[in-house]
């Protein structure tokens, strides 16, 4: 194995360790973001419920005012009933009075229905707010866990980054640029082994994506100390045991 490929292997080992640490940090951060989104959704639900409560309260107040106005009107007709001078006048006033009482009774029923709905809405809001408090406690716990992971990982990341910098010095600049580009696309996994897919035929594949690679690429990998990329996934290919310089 050539010096460049060996240097890439050392760099790859360090890169994978760094990537694993960063994945652990990102998992915790993602958990926090999901919890923050959940709380944001709960807050939106609370606002929507409060808006509905406000509207229902306004409707109930308006109906209550209408019921009180109706009661005043009913009292006027009761007084008029007592001062009626003829049976015809008495009958007309009584009919109007009964109509007003029936209409006002319906308004009062609507008020009671709304007030009951308002009470239920208030209870629901209280329940949602209680749930929010629990989810807020979870978020605090998740943030503490994320902070602990970052703190525990900080020193190791610093050491690994220093090792990575030293390992990078043995890799040619253009190859290093290629490695970093491929690693960035594949979560740190910039290299893939060449595997033989048939025991009797000269058929090979990239272990990273399981797609075929050409015999010419394999020959280049075995005979030259240079980075050869998989045509499909773009990883840098290497042979596990390059003991020969050619594939026949």
C-alpha atoms as a PDB file:
ATOM      1  CA  UNK A   1       0.000   0.000   0.000  1.00  0.00           C
ATOM      2  CA  UNK A   2       1.408   3.377  -1.014  1.00  0.00           C
ATOM      3  CA  UNK A   3       2.250   6.172   1.393  1.00  0.00           C
ATOM      4  CA  UNK A   4      -0.670   8.325   0.245  1.00  0.00           C
ATOM      5  CA  UNK A   5      -3.272   5.599   0.762  1.00  0.00           C
ATOM      6  CA  UNK A   6      -1.745   4.659   4.117  1.00  0.00           C
ATOM      7  CA  UNK A   7      -1.914   8.310   5.176  1.00  0.00           C
ATOM      8  CA  UNK A   8      -5.538   8.441   4.029  1.00  0.00           C
ATOM      9  CA  UNK A   9      -6.326   5.369   6.130  1.00  0.00           C
ATOM     10  CA  UNK A  10      -4.876   7.030   9.239  1.00  0.00           C
ATOM     11  CA  UNK A  11      -6.824  10.159   8.436  1.00  0.00           C
ATOM     12  CA  UNK A  12      -9.989   8.120   7.857  1.00  0.00           C
ATOM     13  CA  UNK A  13      -9.730   6.429  11.276  1.00  0.00           C
ATOM     14  CA  UNK A  14      -9.526   9.802  12.984  1.00  0.00           C
ATOM     15  CA  UNK A  15     -12.252  11.292  10.800  1.00  0.00           C
ATOM     16  CA  UNK A  16     -14.669   8.487  11.695  1.00  0.00           C
ATOM     17  CA  UNK A  17     -14.058   9.024  15.403  1.00  0.00           C
ATOM     18  CA  UNK A  18     -14.710  12.739  15.020  1.00  0.00           C
ATOM     19  CA  UNK A  19     -17.844  12.040  12.979  1.00  0.00           C
ATOM     20  CA  UNK A  20     -19.166   9.624  15.623  1.00  0.00           C
ATOM     21  CA  UNK A  21     -18.703  12.200  18.381  1.00  0.00           C
ATOM     22  CA  UNK A  22     -20.395  14.862  16.312  1.00  0.00           C
ATOM     23  CA  UNK A  23     -23.285  12.516  15.540  1.00  0.00           C
ATOM     24  CA  UNK A  24     -23.756  11.981  19.260  1.00  0.00           C
ATOM     25  CA  UNK A  25     -23.806  15.730  19.840  1.00  0.00           C
ATOM     26  CA  UNK A  26     -26.177  16.244  16.923  1.00  0.00           C
ATOM     27  CA  UNK A  27     -28.554  13.534  18.195  1.00  0.00           C
ATOM     28  CA  UNK A  28     -28.899  15.394  21.476  1.00  0.00           C
ATOM     29  CA  UNK A  29     -29.298  18.719  19.688  1.00  0.00           C
ATOM     30  CA  UNK A  30     -31.941  17.204  17.402  1.00  0.00           C
ATOM     31  CA  UNK A  31     -33.805  15.886  20.431  1.00  0.00           C
ATOM     32  CA  UNK A  32     -33.814  19.402  21.879  1.00  0.00           C
ATOM     33  CA  UNK A  33     -35.061  20.875  18.606  1.00  0.00           C
ATOM     34  CA  UNK A  34     -37.905  18.344  18.406  1.00  0.00           C
ATOM     35  CA  UNK A  35     -38.906  19.166  21.971  1.00  0.00           C
ATOM     36  CA  UNK A  36     -38.747  22.906  21.256  1.00  0.00           C
ATOM     37  CA  UNK A  37     -40.980  22.357  18.230  1.00  0.00           C
ATOM     38  CA  UNK A  38     -43.435  20.400  20.374  1.00  0.00           C
ATOM     39  CA  UNK A  39     -43.617  23.235  22.894  1.00  0.00           C
ATOM     40  CA  UNK A  40     -44.039  25.773  20.088  1.00  0.00           C
ATOM     41  CA  UNK A  41     -46.979  23.726  18.786  1.00  0.00           C
ATOM     42  CA  UNK A  42     -48.477  23.569  22.286  1.00  0.00           C
ATOM     43  CA  UNK A  43     -48.126  27.346  22.629  1.00  0.00           C
ATOM     44  CA  UNK A  44     -49.932  27.779  19.308  1.00  0.00           C
ATOM     45  CA  UNK A  45     -52.719  25.496  20.546  1.00  0.00           C
ATOM     46  CA  UNK A  46     -53.013  27.483  23.782  1.00  0.00           C
ATOM     47  CA  UNK A  47     -53.274  30.735  21.811  1.00  0.00           C
ATOM     48  CA  UNK A  48     -55.945  29.226  19.566  1.00  0.00           C
ATOM     49  CA  UNK A  49     -57.923  27.966  22.569  1.00  0.00           C
ATOM     50  CA  UNK A  50     -57.681  31.357  24.275  1.00  0.00           C
ATOM     51  CA  UNK A  51     -58.863  33.101  21.124  1.00  0.00           C
ATOM     52  CA  UNK A  52     -61.860  30.758  21.020  1.00  0.00           C
ATOM     53  CA  UNK A  53     -62.491  31.397  24.705  1.00  0.00           C
ATOM     54  CA  UNK A  54     -62.362  35.145  24.156  1.00  0.00           C
ATOM     55  CA  UNK A  55     -64.845  34.897  21.276  1.00  0.00           C
ATOM     56  CA  UNK A  56     -67.182  32.663  23.287  1.00  0.00           C
ATOM     57  CA  UNK A  57     -67.005  35.044  26.245  1.00  0.00           C
ATOM     58  CA  UNK A  58     -67.876  38.007  24.019  1.00  0.00           C
ATOM     59  CA  UNK A  59     -70.825  36.101  22.569  1.00  0.00           C
ATOM     60  CA  UNK A  60     -72.006  35.111  26.049  1.00  0.00           C
ATOM     61  CA  UNK A  61     -71.724  38.702  27.300  1.00  0.00           C
ATOM     62  CA  UNK A  62     -73.674  39.984  24.299  1.00  0.00           C
ATOM     63  CA  UNK A  63     -76.413  37.389  24.797  1.00  0.00           C
ATOM     64  CA  UNK A  64     -76.523  38.083  28.519  1.00  0.00           C
ATOM     65  CA  UNK A  65     -76.992  41.762  27.762  1.00  0.00           C
ATOM     66  CA  UNK A  66     -79.742  40.843  25.289  1.00  0.00           C
ATOM     67  CA  UNK A  67     -81.415  38.670  27.939  1.00  0.00           C
ATOM     68  CA  UNK A  68     -81.315  41.509  30.480  1.00  0.00           C
ATOM     69  CA  UNK A  69     -82.756  43.901  27.924  1.00  0.00           C
ATOM     70  CA  UNK A  70     -85.463  41.353  27.159  1.00  0.00           C
ATOM     71  CA  UNK A  71     -86.277  41.015  30.845  1.00  0.00           C
ATOM     72  CA  UNK A  72     -86.716  44.777  31.075  1.00  0.00           C
ATOM     73  CA  UNK A  73     -89.059  44.654  28.108  1.00  0.00           C
ATOM     74  CA  UNK A  74     -91.008  41.800  29.735  1.00  0.00           C
ATOM     75  CA  UNK A  75     -91.409  43.840  32.934  1.00  0.00           C
ATOM     76  CA  UNK A  76     -92.832  46.699  30.888  1.00  0.00           C
ATOM     77  CA  UNK A  77     -95.443  44.389  29.374  1.00  0.00           C
ATOM     78  CA  UNK A  78     -96.269  42.987  32.789  1.00  0.00           C
ATOM     79  CA  UNK A  79     -96.988  46.487  33.972  1.00  0.00           C
ATOM     80  CA  UNK A  80     -99.033  47.145  30.840  1.00  0.00           C
ATOM     81  CA  UNK A  81    -100.953  43.942  31.506  1.00  0.00           C
ATOM     82  CA  UNK A  82    -101.939  45.183  34.927  1.00  0.00           C
ATOM     83  CA  UNK A  83    -103.165  48.474  33.521  1.00  0.00           C
ATOM     84  CA  UNK A  84    -105.109  47.018  30.600  1.00  0.00           C
ATOM     85  CA  UNK A  85    -108.638  48.439  30.459  1.00  0.00           C
ATOM     86  CA  UNK A  86    -110.321  45.995  28.116  1.00  0.00           C
ATOM     87  CA  UNK A  87    -110.215  42.271  27.526  1.00  0.00           C
ATOM     88  CA  UNK A  88    -109.008  42.833  23.978  1.00  0.00           C
ATOM     89  CA  UNK A  89    -106.172  45.050  25.152  1.00  0.00           C
ATOM     90  CA  UNK A  90    -105.361  42.561  27.920  1.00  0.00           C
ATOM     91  CA  UNK A  91    -105.308  39.650  25.436  1.00  0.00           C
ATOM     92  CA  UNK A  92    -102.998  41.521  23.016  1.00  0.00           C
ATOM     93  CA  UNK A  93    -100.586  42.489  25.769  1.00  0.00           C
ATOM     94  CA  UNK A  94    -100.598  38.937  27.153  1.00  0.00           C
ATOM     95  CA  UNK A  95     -99.835  37.457  23.735  1.00  0.00           C
ATOM     96  CA  UNK A  96     -96.927  39.843  23.259  1.00  0.00           C
ATOM     97  CA  UNK A  97     -95.711  39.151  26.791  1.00  0.00           C
ATOM     98  CA  UNK A  98     -95.719  35.393  26.235  1.00  0.00           C
ATOM     99  CA  UNK A  99     -93.855  35.812  22.950  1.00  0.00           C
ATOM    100  CA  UNK A 100     -91.203  37.950  24.626  1.00  0.00           C
ATOM    101  CA  UNK A 101     -90.853  35.466  27.474  1.00  0.00           C
ATOM    102  CA  UNK A 102     -90.425  32.574  25.041  1.00  0.00           C
ATOM    103  CA  UNK A 103     -87.826  34.466  22.994  1.00  0.00           C
ATOM    104  CA  UNK A 104     -85.958  35.559  26.103  1.00  0.00           C
ATOM    105  CA  UNK A 105     -85.991  32.021  27.454  1.00  0.00           C
ATOM    106  CA  UNK A 106     -84.231  30.837  24.301  1.00  0.00           C
ATOM    107  CA  UNK A 107     -81.617  33.572  24.707  1.00  0.00           C
ATOM    108  CA  UNK A 108     -81.048  32.565  28.332  1.00  0.00           C
ATOM    109  CA  UNK A 109     -80.635  28.931  27.286  1.00  0.00           C
ATOM    110  CA  UNK A 110     -78.040  29.972  24.735  1.00  0.00           C
ATOM    111  CA  UNK A 111     -76.229  31.945  27.440  1.00  0.00           C
ATOM    112  CA  UNK A 112     -76.176  28.901  29.718  1.00  0.00           C
ATOM    113  CA  UNK A 113     -74.926  26.702  26.875  1.00  0.00           C
ATOM    114  CA  UNK A 114     -72.152  29.163  26.099  1.00  0.00           C
ATOM    115  CA  UNK A 115     -71.187  29.503  29.763  1.00  0.00           C
ATOM    116  CA  UNK A 116     -70.931  25.716  30.022  1.00  0.00           C
ATOM    117  CA  UNK A 117     -68.763  25.631  26.898  1.00  0.00           C
ATOM    118  CA  UNK A 118     -66.616  28.412  28.354  1.00  0.00           C
ATOM    119  CA  UNK A 119     -66.045  26.403  31.513  1.00  0.00           C
ATOM    120  CA  UNK A 120     -65.012  23.379  29.432  1.00  0.00           C
ATOM    121  CA  UNK A 121     -62.708  25.550  27.356  1.00  0.00           C
ATOM    122  CA  UNK A 122     -61.045  26.910  30.497  1.00  0.00           C
ATOM    123  CA  UNK A 123     -60.491  23.375  31.787  1.00  0.00           C
ATOM    124  CA  UNK A 124     -58.993  22.335  28.477  1.00  0.00           C
ATOM    125  CA  UNK A 125     -56.622  25.296  28.502  1.00  0.00           C
ATOM    126  CA  UNK A 126     -55.548  24.410  32.032  1.00  0.00           C
ATOM    127  CA  UNK A 127     -54.875  20.826  30.948  1.00  0.00           C
ATOM    128  CA  UNK A 128     -52.828  21.960  27.944  1.00  0.00           C
ATOM    129  CA  UNK A 129     -50.864  24.381  30.118  1.00  0.00           C
ATOM    130  CA  UNK A 130     -50.157  21.556  32.591  1.00  0.00           C
ATOM    131  CA  UNK A 131     -48.915  19.400  29.702  1.00  0.00           C
ATOM    132  CA  UNK A 132     -46.737  22.279  28.569  1.00  0.00           C
ATOM    133  CA  UNK A 133     -45.090  22.484  31.964  1.00  0.00           C
ATOM    134  CA  UNK A 134     -44.220  18.781  31.759  1.00  0.00           C
ATOM    135  CA  UNK A 135     -42.813  19.187  28.252  1.00  0.00           C
ATOM    136  CA  UNK A 136     -40.827  22.224  29.409  1.00  0.00           C
ATOM    137  CA  UNK A 137     -39.306  20.067  32.147  1.00  0.00           C
ATOM    138  CA  UNK A 138     -38.359  17.480  29.522  1.00  0.00           C
ATOM    139  CA  UNK A 139     -36.746  20.197  27.399  1.00  0.00           C
ATOM    140  CA  UNK A 140     -34.682  21.328  30.369  1.00  0.00           C
ATOM    141  CA  UNK A 141     -33.577  17.733  30.904  1.00  0.00           C
ATOM    142  CA  UNK A 142     -32.721  17.304  27.204  1.00  0.00           C
ATOM    143  CA  UNK A 143     -30.719  20.541  27.187  1.00  0.00           C
ATOM    144  CA  UNK A 144     -28.787  19.456  30.267  1.00  0.00           C
ATOM    145  CA  UNK A 145     -28.011  16.103  28.614  1.00  0.00           C
ATOM    146  CA  UNK A 146     -26.912  17.840  25.404  1.00  0.00           C
ATOM    147  CA  UNK A 147     -24.668  20.198  27.365  1.00  0.00           C
ATOM    148  CA  UNK A 148     -23.106  17.289  29.254  1.00  0.00           C
ATOM    149  CA  UNK A 149     -22.379  15.428  26.012  1.00  0.00           C
ATOM    150  CA  UNK A 150     -20.740  18.518  24.534  1.00  0.00           C
ATOM    151  CA  UNK A 151     -18.654  19.081  27.651  1.00  0.00           C
ATOM    152  CA  UNK A 152     -17.528  15.437  27.797  1.00  0.00           C
ATOM    153  CA  UNK A 153     -16.704  15.457  24.073  1.00  0.00           C
ATOM    154  CA  UNK A 154     -14.868  18.773  23.978  1.00  0.00           C
ATOM    155  CA  UNK A 155     -11.449  17.559  25.143  1.00  0.00           C
ATOM    156  CA  UNK A 156     -11.572  14.430  23.011  1.00  0.00           C
ATOM    157  CA  UNK A 157     -12.587  16.419  19.947  1.00  0.00           C
ATOM    158  CA  UNK A 158      -9.702  18.807  20.555  1.00  0.00           C
ATOM    159  CA  UNK A 159      -7.239  15.909  20.766  1.00  0.00           C
ATOM    160  CA  UNK A 160      -8.667  14.207  17.697  1.00  0.00           C
ATOM    161  CA  UNK A 161      -8.614  17.436  15.722  1.00  0.00           C
ATOM    162  CA  UNK A 162      -4.936  17.873  16.591  1.00  0.00           C
ATOM    163  CA  UNK A 163      -4.283  14.272  15.474  1.00  0.00           C
ATOM    164  CA  UNK A 164      -6.227  14.934  12.297  1.00  0.00           C
ATOM    165  CA  UNK A 165      -4.154  18.015  11.550  1.00  0.00           C
ATOM    166  CA  UNK A 166      -0.938  16.010  11.963  1.00  0.00           C
ATOM    167  CA  UNK A 167      -2.265  13.150   9.828  1.00  0.00           C
ATOM    168  CA  UNK A 168      -3.305  15.614   7.113  1.00  0.00           C
ATOM    169  CA  UNK A 169       0.283  16.767   6.703  1.00  0.00           C
ATOM    170  CA  UNK A 170       1.151  13.404   5.105  1.00  0.00           C
ATOM    171  CA  UNK A 171      -1.581  13.741   2.476  1.00  0.00           C
ATOM    172  CA  UNK A 172      -1.001  15.771  -0.732  1.00  0.00           C
ATOM    173  CA  UNK A 173      -3.046  18.963  -0.830  1.00  0.00           C
ATOM    174  CA  UNK A 174      -5.261  17.963  -3.777  1.00  0.00           C
ATOM    175  CA  UNK A 175      -5.940  14.522  -2.316  1.00  0.00           C
ATOM    176  CA  UNK A 176      -6.713  16.076   1.075  1.00  0.00           C
ATOM    177  CA  UNK A 177      -9.177  18.440  -0.558  1.00  0.00           C
ATOM    178  CA  UNK A 178     -10.807  15.452  -2.268  1.00  0.00           C
ATOM    179  CA  UNK A 179     -10.901  13.496   0.996  1.00  0.00           C
ATOM    180  CA  UNK A 180     -12.547  16.348   2.889  1.00  0.00           C
ATOM    181  CA  UNK A 181     -15.132  16.851   0.162  1.00  0.00           C
ATOM    182  CA  UNK A 182     -16.054  13.143   0.099  1.00  0.00           C
ATOM    183  CA  UNK A 183     -16.053  12.885   3.898  1.00  0.00           C
ATOM    184  CA  UNK A 184     -18.381  15.855   4.111  1.00  0.00           C
ATOM    185  CA  UNK A 185     -20.884  14.129   1.814  1.00  0.00           C
ATOM    186  CA  UNK A 186     -20.711  10.752   3.566  1.00  0.00           C
ATOM    187  CA  UNK A 187     -20.753  11.620   7.262  1.00  0.00           C
ATOM    188  CA  UNK A 188     -16.997  11.212   7.639  1.00  0.00           C
ATOM    189  CA  UNK A 189     -16.752   7.989   5.633  1.00  0.00           C
ATOM    190  CA  UNK A 190     -14.537   9.046   2.747  1.00  0.00           C
ATOM    191  CA  UNK A 191     -13.081   5.630   1.872  1.00  0.00           C
ATOM    192  CA  UNK A 192     -14.567   2.314   0.746  1.00  0.00           C
ATOM    193  CA  UNK A 193     -12.959  -1.080   0.260  1.00  0.00           C
ATOM    194  CA  UNK A 194     -12.887  -2.903  -3.063  1.00  0.00           C
ATOM    195  CA  UNK A 195     -14.621  -6.273  -2.713  1.00  0.00           C
ATOM    196  CA  UNK A 196     -14.559  -9.180  -5.129  1.00  0.00           C
ATOM    197  CA  UNK A 197     -18.120 -10.207  -5.946  1.00  0.00           C
ATOM    198  CA  UNK A 198     -17.401 -13.463  -7.785  1.00  0.00           C
ATOM    199  CA  UNK A 199     -14.811 -16.071  -6.760  1.00  0.00           C
ATOM    200  CA  UNK A 200     -13.950 -17.103 -10.324  1.00  0.00           C
ATOM    201  CA  UNK A 201     -14.532 -13.963 -12.368  1.00  0.00           C
ATOM    202  CA  UNK A 202     -12.738 -10.654 -12.157  1.00  0.00           C
ATOM    203  CA  UNK A 203     -15.769  -8.778 -10.859  1.00  0.00           C
ATOM    204  CA  UNK A 204     -15.494  -6.138  -8.173  1.00  0.00           C
ATOM    205  CA  UNK A 205     -17.714  -3.709  -6.304  1.00  0.00           C
ATOM    206  CA  UNK A 206     -17.459  -0.738  -3.988  1.00  0.00           C
ATOM    207  CA  UNK A 207     -18.201  -1.781  -0.397  1.00  0.00           C
ATOM    208  CA  UNK A 208     -19.663   1.647   0.255  1.00  0.00           C
ATOM    209  CA  UNK A 209     -22.498   1.532  -2.274  1.00  0.00           C
ATOM    210  CA  UNK A 210     -22.308  -2.087  -3.543  1.00  0.00           C
ATOM    211  CA  UNK A 211     -22.056  -0.886  -7.133  1.00  0.00           C
ATOM    212  CA  UNK A 212     -19.681  -2.389  -9.679  1.00  0.00           C
ATOM    213  CA  UNK A 213     -16.266  -0.915 -10.341  1.00  0.00           C
ATOM    214  CA  UNK A 214     -14.178  -1.571 -13.430  1.00  0.00           C
ATOM    215  CA  UNK A 215     -11.146  -3.801 -13.678  1.00  0.00           C
ATOM    216  CA  UNK A 216      -9.217  -0.736 -14.843  1.00  0.00           C
ATOM    217  CA  UNK A 217     -10.017   1.037 -11.587  1.00  0.00           C
ATOM    218  CA  UNK A 218      -8.904  -1.994  -9.575  1.00  0.00           C
ATOM    219  CA  UNK A 219      -5.640  -2.155 -11.535  1.00  0.00           C
ATOM    220  CA  UNK A 220      -5.008   1.507 -10.817  1.00  0.00           C
ATOM    221  CA  UNK A 221      -5.687   1.013  -7.113  1.00  0.00           C
ATOM    222  CA  UNK A 222      -3.269  -1.894  -6.931  1.00  0.00           C
ATOM    223  CA  UNK A 223      -0.527  -0.433  -9.084  1.00  0.00           C
ATOM    224  CA  UNK A 224      -0.489   3.260  -8.208  1.00  0.00           C
ATOM    225  CA  UNK A 225      -0.374   5.253  -5.020  1.00  0.00           C
ATOM    226  CA  UNK A 226      -3.241   7.583  -5.896  1.00  0.00           C
ATOM    227  CA  UNK A 227      -6.830   8.216  -4.938  1.00  0.00           C
ATOM    228  CA  UNK A 228      -9.370   6.495  -7.178  1.00  0.00           C
ATOM    229  CA  UNK A 229     -13.024   7.425  -6.710  1.00  0.00           C
ATOM    230  CA  UNK A 230     -16.059   5.183  -7.007  1.00  0.00           C
ATOM    231  CA  UNK A 231     -18.052   6.333 -10.022  1.00  0.00           C
ATOM    232  CA  UNK A 232     -21.322   6.018  -8.096  1.00  0.00           C
ATOM    233  CA  UNK A 233     -20.879   7.106  -4.469  1.00  0.00           C
ATOM    234  CA  UNK A 234     -17.663   9.075  -4.937  1.00  0.00           C
ATOM    235  CA  UNK A 235     -15.746   7.410  -2.078  1.00  0.00           C
ATOM    236  CA  UNK A 236     -12.004   6.856  -2.314  1.00  0.00           C
ATOM    237  CA  UNK A 237     -11.444   3.190  -3.130  1.00  0.00           C
ATOM    238  CA  UNK A 238      -8.796   0.954  -1.558  1.00  0.00           C
ATOM    239  CA  UNK A 239      -7.909  -2.731  -1.678  1.00  0.00           C
ATOM    240  CA  UNK A 240      -7.851  -4.649   1.594  1.00  0.00           C
ATOM    241  CA  UNK A 241      -4.731  -6.633   0.812  1.00  0.00           C
ATOM    242  CA  UNK A 242      -2.939  -5.091  -2.188  1.00  0.00           C
ATOM    243  CA  UNK A 243      -0.204  -7.688  -2.504  1.00  0.00           C
ATOM    244  CA  UNK A 244       0.032  -7.584  -6.276  1.00  0.00           C
ATOM    245  CA  UNK A 245       0.536  -4.740  -8.679  1.00  0.00           C
ATOM    246  CA  UNK A 246      -1.982  -5.890 -11.249  1.00  0.00           C
ATOM    247  CA  UNK A 247      -5.202  -7.788 -11.676  1.00  0.00           C
ATOM    248  CA  UNK A 248      -4.997 -10.512 -14.299  1.00  0.00           C
END
